[in-house]
Amino acid sequence: MAKTGNNSFLMAIVQSQDVDAAEEALRAISIDYYRLPSVGGFLGRRNATIIIKTPPDSQEQVIEILRKNCRQRFEYIAVPLESASLTLPTPTPISVGGAIIFGIEADYYEEL
């Protein structure tokens, strides 16, 4: 069925640890979504890209669901210490997780 007009979507990139909880919360409020597997760039971690069809009155609710279910956490990676005579890895904290959310307005989409 072809849809024209003002169609809103959110695209969220979510870490694999958080994607199941986010999807369960979206299903609980009967929001349609599509899940695509993806891999992060810097750390090469698995994540998922969720494309969410959002009715205009539900967009803030969906963003709040993602905010509650996709949390940031700190992990440590080993980075070589450049100033040392031996290249000893130094544990460096980095922030991972959470969600990156993009708002998309579509003039047209079609479900086949």
N, C-alpha and C. Protein backbone atom coordinates (compact mmCIF):
# COMPACT_ATOMS: atom_id res chain seq x y z
N MET A 1 0.85 -1.17 0.00
CA MET A 1 0.00 0.00 0.00
C MET A 1 0.89 1.23 0.00
N ALA A 2 0.68 2.11 -0.94
CA ALA A 2 1.47 3.34 -1.06
C ALA A 2 0.95 4.38 -0.09
N LYS A 3 1.86 5.08 0.52
CA LYS A 3 1.51 6.15 1.46
C LYS A 3 2.18 7.43 0.98
N THR A 4 1.41 8.50 0.84
CA THR A 4 1.97 9.79 0.48
C THR A 4 1.59 10.79 1.56
N GLY A 5 2.23 11.92 1.54
CA GLY A 5 1.93 12.94 2.54
C GLY A 5 3.03 13.03 3.57
N ASN A 6 2.67 13.45 4.76
CA ASN A 6 3.63 13.68 5.84
C ASN A 6 3.80 12.40 6.66
N ASN A 7 4.84 11.64 6.36
CA ASN A 7 5.14 10.41 7.08
C ASN A 7 6.42 10.61 7.88
N SER A 8 6.36 10.34 9.18
CA SER A 8 7.51 10.52 10.06
C SER A 8 8.12 9.18 10.43
N PHE A 9 9.44 9.15 10.42
CA PHE A 9 10.19 7.98 10.83
C PHE A 9 11.31 8.44 11.75
N LEU A 10 11.69 7.59 12.67
CA LEU A 10 12.91 7.78 13.44
C LEU A 10 13.83 6.62 13.08
N MET A 11 15.10 6.92 12.91
CA MET A 11 16.09 5.89 12.69
C MET A 11 17.01 5.91 13.89
N ALA A 12 17.07 4.81 14.61
CA ALA A 12 17.89 4.74 15.83
C ALA A 12 18.96 3.67 15.67
N ILE A 13 20.19 4.04 15.96
CA ILE A 13 21.28 3.08 15.97
C ILE A 13 21.52 2.71 17.43
N VAL A 14 21.30 1.44 17.75
CA VAL A 14 21.26 0.97 19.13
C VAL A 14 22.25 -0.16 19.31
N GLN A 15 22.99 -0.17 20.41
CA GLN A 15 23.93 -1.25 20.69
C GLN A 15 23.20 -2.55 20.94
N SER A 16 23.84 -3.66 20.62
CA SER A 16 23.20 -4.98 20.72
C SER A 16 22.72 -5.29 22.14
N GLN A 17 23.40 -4.77 23.17
CA GLN A 17 22.97 -5.03 24.55
C GLN A 17 21.62 -4.41 24.87
N ASP A 18 21.24 -3.36 24.14
CA ASP A 18 20.02 -2.62 24.45
C ASP A 18 18.87 -2.86 23.48
N VAL A 19 19.14 -3.49 22.35
CA VAL A 19 18.14 -3.55 21.28
C VAL A 19 16.92 -4.39 21.67
N ASP A 20 17.09 -5.49 22.37
CA ASP A 20 15.93 -6.31 22.74
C ASP A 20 14.98 -5.57 23.67
N ALA A 21 15.51 -4.86 24.66
CA ALA A 21 14.67 -4.10 25.58
C ALA A 21 13.95 -2.97 24.85
N ALA A 22 14.64 -2.31 23.92
CA ALA A 22 14.02 -1.22 23.16
C ALA A 22 12.88 -1.76 22.29
N GLU A 23 13.11 -2.87 21.62
CA GLU A 23 12.06 -3.46 20.78
C GLU A 23 10.86 -3.91 21.59
N GLU A 24 11.10 -4.50 22.74
CA GLU A 24 10.00 -4.94 23.61
C GLU A 24 9.15 -3.75 24.05
N ALA A 25 9.80 -2.65 24.39
CA ALA A 25 9.06 -1.45 24.81
C ALA A 25 8.27 -0.85 23.65
N LEU A 26 8.81 -0.89 22.43
CA LEU A 26 8.09 -0.39 21.26
C LEU A 26 6.88 -1.27 20.95
N ARG A 27 7.05 -2.58 21.07
CA ARG A 27 5.92 -3.50 20.84
C ARG A 27 4.82 -3.27 21.87
N ALA A 28 5.19 -2.95 23.09
CA ALA A 28 4.20 -2.74 24.16
C ALA A 28 3.25 -1.58 23.86
N ILE A 29 3.71 -0.60 23.07
CA ILE A 29 2.82 0.51 22.72
C ILE A 29 2.38 0.44 21.25
N SER A 30 2.55 -0.74 20.64
CA SER A 30 2.09 -1.02 19.27
C SER A 30 2.68 -0.08 18.22
N ILE A 31 3.98 0.14 18.30
CA ILE A 31 4.68 0.96 17.31
C ILE A 31 5.34 0.03 16.30
N ASP A 32 5.15 0.30 15.01
CA ASP A 32 5.78 -0.49 13.95
C ASP A 32 7.24 -0.08 13.79
N TYR A 33 8.10 -1.07 13.60
CA TYR A 33 9.52 -0.80 13.38
C TYR A 33 10.12 -1.90 12.52
N TYR A 34 11.29 -1.61 11.96
CA TYR A 34 12.06 -2.57 11.18
C TYR A 34 13.47 -2.57 11.72
N ARG A 35 14.01 -3.76 11.95
CA ARG A 35 15.34 -3.89 12.53
C ARG A 35 16.32 -4.36 11.46
N LEU A 36 17.43 -3.65 11.35
CA LEU A 36 18.50 -4.00 10.42
C LEU A 36 19.78 -4.21 11.21
N PRO A 37 20.46 -5.34 11.01
CA PRO A 37 21.74 -5.52 11.71
C PRO A 37 22.78 -4.57 11.14
N SER A 38 23.65 -4.07 12.01
CA SER A 38 24.72 -3.18 11.56
C SER A 38 25.92 -3.35 12.49
N VAL A 39 27.03 -2.74 12.11
CA VAL A 39 28.26 -2.83 12.90
C VAL A 39 28.81 -1.43 13.06
N GLY A 40 29.25 -1.10 14.28
CA GLY A 40 29.80 0.22 14.56
C GLY A 40 31.17 0.41 13.92
N GLY A 41 31.56 1.65 13.76
CA GLY A 41 32.81 1.97 13.07
C GLY A 41 34.05 1.86 13.93
N PHE A 42 34.17 2.69 14.96
CA PHE A 42 35.40 2.80 15.74
C PHE A 42 35.78 1.49 16.43
N LEU A 43 34.85 0.88 17.13
CA LEU A 43 35.15 -0.35 17.86
C LEU A 43 34.71 -1.61 17.11
N GLY A 44 33.97 -1.45 16.03
CA GLY A 44 33.51 -2.61 15.27
C GLY A 44 32.52 -3.47 16.03
N ARG A 45 31.77 -2.88 16.95
CA ARG A 45 30.80 -3.62 17.76
C ARG A 45 29.50 -3.82 17.00
N ARG A 46 28.83 -4.91 17.33
CA ARG A 46 27.52 -5.17 16.73
C ARG A 46 26.49 -4.20 17.32
N ASN A 47 25.61 -3.75 16.45
CA ASN A 47 24.49 -2.95 16.89
C ASN A 47 23.34 -3.19 15.93
N ALA A 48 22.28 -2.48 16.10
CA ALA A 48 21.13 -2.61 15.20
C ALA A 48 20.65 -1.23 14.83
N THR A 49 20.21 -1.11 13.59
CA THR A 49 19.57 0.11 13.14
C THR A 49 18.07 -0.17 13.11
N ILE A 50 17.32 0.59 13.89
CA ILE A 50 15.87 0.39 13.96
C ILE A 50 15.20 1.57 13.26
N ILE A 51 14.40 1.26 12.26
CA ILE A 51 13.62 2.29 11.57
C ILE A 51 12.21 2.21 12.13
N ILE A 52 11.74 3.30 12.71
CA ILE A 52 10.50 3.32 13.47
C ILE A 52 9.50 4.25 12.80
N LYS A 53 8.34 3.73 12.43
CA LYS A 53 7.25 4.55 11.89
C LYS A 53 6.59 5.22 13.08
N THR A 54 6.64 6.55 13.12
CA THR A 54 6.12 7.27 14.28
C THR A 54 4.95 8.17 13.90
N PRO A 55 3.78 7.90 14.46
CA PRO A 55 2.68 8.85 14.30
C PRO A 55 3.09 10.18 14.95
N PRO A 56 2.62 11.31 14.42
CA PRO A 56 3.05 12.63 14.95
C PRO A 56 2.86 12.78 16.46
N ASP A 57 1.82 12.20 17.00
CA ASP A 57 1.56 12.35 18.44
C ASP A 57 2.38 11.39 19.30
N SER A 58 3.14 10.47 18.70
CA SER A 58 3.90 9.48 19.45
C SER A 58 5.40 9.67 19.40
N GLN A 59 5.89 10.65 18.66
CA GLN A 59 7.33 10.79 18.46
C GLN A 59 8.07 11.00 19.78
N GLU A 60 7.59 11.88 20.63
CA GLU A 60 8.26 12.13 21.92
C GLU A 60 8.22 10.88 22.81
N GLN A 61 7.13 10.14 22.76
CA GLN A 61 7.01 8.91 23.55
C GLN A 61 8.04 7.88 23.09
N VAL A 62 8.22 7.75 21.77
CA VAL A 62 9.20 6.81 21.23
C VAL A 62 10.61 7.23 21.63
N ILE A 63 10.92 8.50 21.55
CA ILE A 63 12.24 8.98 21.95
C ILE A 63 12.49 8.71 23.43
N GLU A 64 11.48 8.90 24.26
CA GLU A 64 11.61 8.62 25.69
C GLU A 64 11.84 7.13 25.95
N ILE A 65 11.17 6.28 25.20
CA ILE A 65 11.38 4.82 25.32
C ILE A 65 12.83 4.47 24.98
N LEU A 66 13.35 5.04 23.91
CA LEU A 66 14.74 4.78 23.54
C LEU A 66 15.69 5.32 24.60
N ARG A 67 15.39 6.48 25.14
CA ARG A 67 16.22 7.07 26.19
C ARG A 67 16.28 6.17 27.43
N LYS A 68 15.16 5.57 27.80
CA LYS A 68 15.10 4.72 28.99
C LYS A 68 15.75 3.36 28.78
N ASN A 69 15.70 2.85 27.55
CA ASN A 69 16.15 1.48 27.31
C ASN A 69 17.53 1.37 26.68
N CYS A 70 18.12 2.47 26.27
CA CYS A 70 19.43 2.46 25.62
C CYS A 70 20.37 3.32 26.43
N ARG A 71 21.11 2.70 27.31
CA ARG A 71 21.93 3.49 28.22
C ARG A 71 23.40 3.47 27.80
N GLN A 72 24.10 4.52 28.16
CA GLN A 72 25.54 4.58 27.92
C GLN A 72 26.27 3.90 29.06
N ARG A 73 27.38 3.29 28.74
CA ARG A 73 28.22 2.63 29.74
C ARG A 73 29.69 2.90 29.39
N PHE A 74 30.55 2.72 30.35
CA PHE A 74 31.98 2.92 30.10
C PHE A 74 32.65 1.57 30.00
N GLU A 75 33.54 1.44 29.01
CA GLU A 75 34.38 0.26 28.85
C GLU A 75 35.81 0.75 28.70
N TYR A 76 36.74 -0.16 28.87
CA TYR A 76 38.14 0.19 28.74
C TYR A 76 38.74 -0.50 27.53
N ILE A 77 39.53 0.25 26.76
CA ILE A 77 40.27 -0.33 25.66
C ILE A 77 41.75 -0.13 25.93
N ALA A 78 42.58 -1.00 25.37
CA ALA A 78 44.03 -0.90 25.56
C ALA A 78 44.62 -0.04 24.46
N VAL A 79 45.23 1.07 24.87
CA VAL A 79 45.87 1.99 23.93
C VAL A 79 47.36 2.00 24.25
N PRO A 80 48.22 1.81 23.25
CA PRO A 80 49.67 1.84 23.53
C PRO A 80 50.11 3.21 24.05
N LEU A 81 50.94 3.20 25.07
CA LEU A 81 51.48 4.44 25.64
C LEU A 81 52.69 4.85 24.80
N GLU A 82 52.59 5.96 24.10
CA GLU A 82 53.62 6.36 23.14
C GLU A 82 54.93 6.81 23.79
N SER A 83 54.87 7.40 24.96
CA SER A 83 56.08 7.96 25.57
C SER A 83 56.92 6.91 26.30
N ALA A 84 56.41 5.69 26.44
CA ALA A 84 57.17 4.66 27.16
C ALA A 84 58.19 4.00 26.24
N SER A 85 59.31 3.53 26.82
CA SER A 85 60.33 2.86 26.02
C SER A 85 59.80 1.50 25.53
N LEU A 86 58.97 0.86 26.32
CA LEU A 86 58.27 -0.36 25.89
C LEU A 86 56.83 0.03 25.56
N THR A 87 56.30 -0.56 24.53
CA THR A 87 54.91 -0.22 24.16
C THR A 87 53.94 -1.01 25.04
N LEU A 88 53.68 -0.47 26.21
CA LEU A 88 52.74 -1.08 27.15
C LEU A 88 51.35 -0.52 26.91
N PRO A 89 50.35 -1.39 26.83
CA PRO A 89 48.99 -0.86 26.65
C PRO A 89 48.48 -0.20 27.92
N THR A 90 47.84 0.92 27.76
CA THR A 90 47.26 1.66 28.87
C THR A 90 45.74 1.57 28.77
N PRO A 91 45.06 1.12 29.85
CA PRO A 91 43.59 1.08 29.78
C PRO A 91 43.01 2.49 29.69
N THR A 92 42.20 2.72 28.67
CA THR A 92 41.60 4.03 28.44
C THR A 92 40.08 3.89 28.45
N PRO A 93 39.38 4.64 29.31
CA PRO A 93 37.92 4.54 29.35
C PRO A 93 37.29 5.21 28.13
N ILE A 94 36.28 4.57 27.57
CA ILE A 94 35.51 5.15 26.48
C ILE A 94 34.02 4.94 26.78
N SER A 95 33.22 5.84 26.29
CA SER A 95 31.77 5.74 26.46
C SER A 95 31.19 4.97 25.28
N VAL A 96 30.40 3.92 25.57
CA VAL A 96 29.73 3.14 24.52
C VAL A 96 28.26 3.02 24.89
N GLY A 97 27.47 2.67 23.93
CA GLY A 97 26.05 2.44 24.19
C GLY A 97 25.21 3.66 23.91
N GLY A 98 24.02 3.62 24.47
CA GLY A 98 23.08 4.68 24.19
C GLY A 98 22.45 4.46 22.83
N ALA A 99 21.88 5.48 22.28
CA ALA A 99 21.29 5.41 20.95
C ALA A 99 21.56 6.69 20.21
N ILE A 100 21.74 6.58 18.93
CA ILE A 100 21.82 7.75 18.06
C ILE A 100 20.52 7.77 17.28
N ILE A 101 19.79 8.87 17.34
CA ILE A 101 18.45 8.94 16.75
C ILE A 101 18.43 10.03 15.68
N PHE A 102 17.90 9.67 14.52
CA PHE A 102 17.72 10.61 13.41
C PHE A 102 16.24 10.71 13.11
N GLY A 103 15.73 11.91 12.90
CA GLY A 103 14.35 12.11 12.48
C GLY A 103 14.29 12.22 10.96
N ILE A 104 13.35 11.51 10.34
CA ILE A 104 13.24 11.49 8.88
C ILE A 104 11.80 11.79 8.49
N GLU A 105 11.63 12.75 7.60
CA GLU A 105 10.32 13.05 7.02
C GLU A 105 10.31 12.46 5.61
N ALA A 106 9.33 11.62 5.30
CA ALA A 106 9.25 10.98 3.99
C ALA A 106 8.00 11.46 3.27
N ASP A 107 8.16 11.88 2.04
CA ASP A 107 7.02 12.26 1.22
C ASP A 107 6.24 11.03 0.73
N TYR A 108 6.97 9.91 0.66
CA TYR A 108 6.35 8.72 0.10
C TYR A 108 7.03 7.49 0.67
N TYR A 109 6.26 6.47 0.98
CA TYR A 109 6.78 5.15 1.24
C TYR A 109 5.73 4.14 0.83
N GLU A 110 6.18 2.90 0.64
CA GLU A 110 5.27 1.86 0.17
C GLU A 110 5.57 0.56 0.87
N GLU A 111 4.54 -0.10 1.36
CA GLU A 111 4.68 -1.41 1.97
C GLU A 111 4.23 -2.44 0.93
N LEU A 112 5.10 -3.38 0.59
CA LEU A 112 4.78 -4.39 -0.42
C LEU A 112 4.53 -5.74 0.21
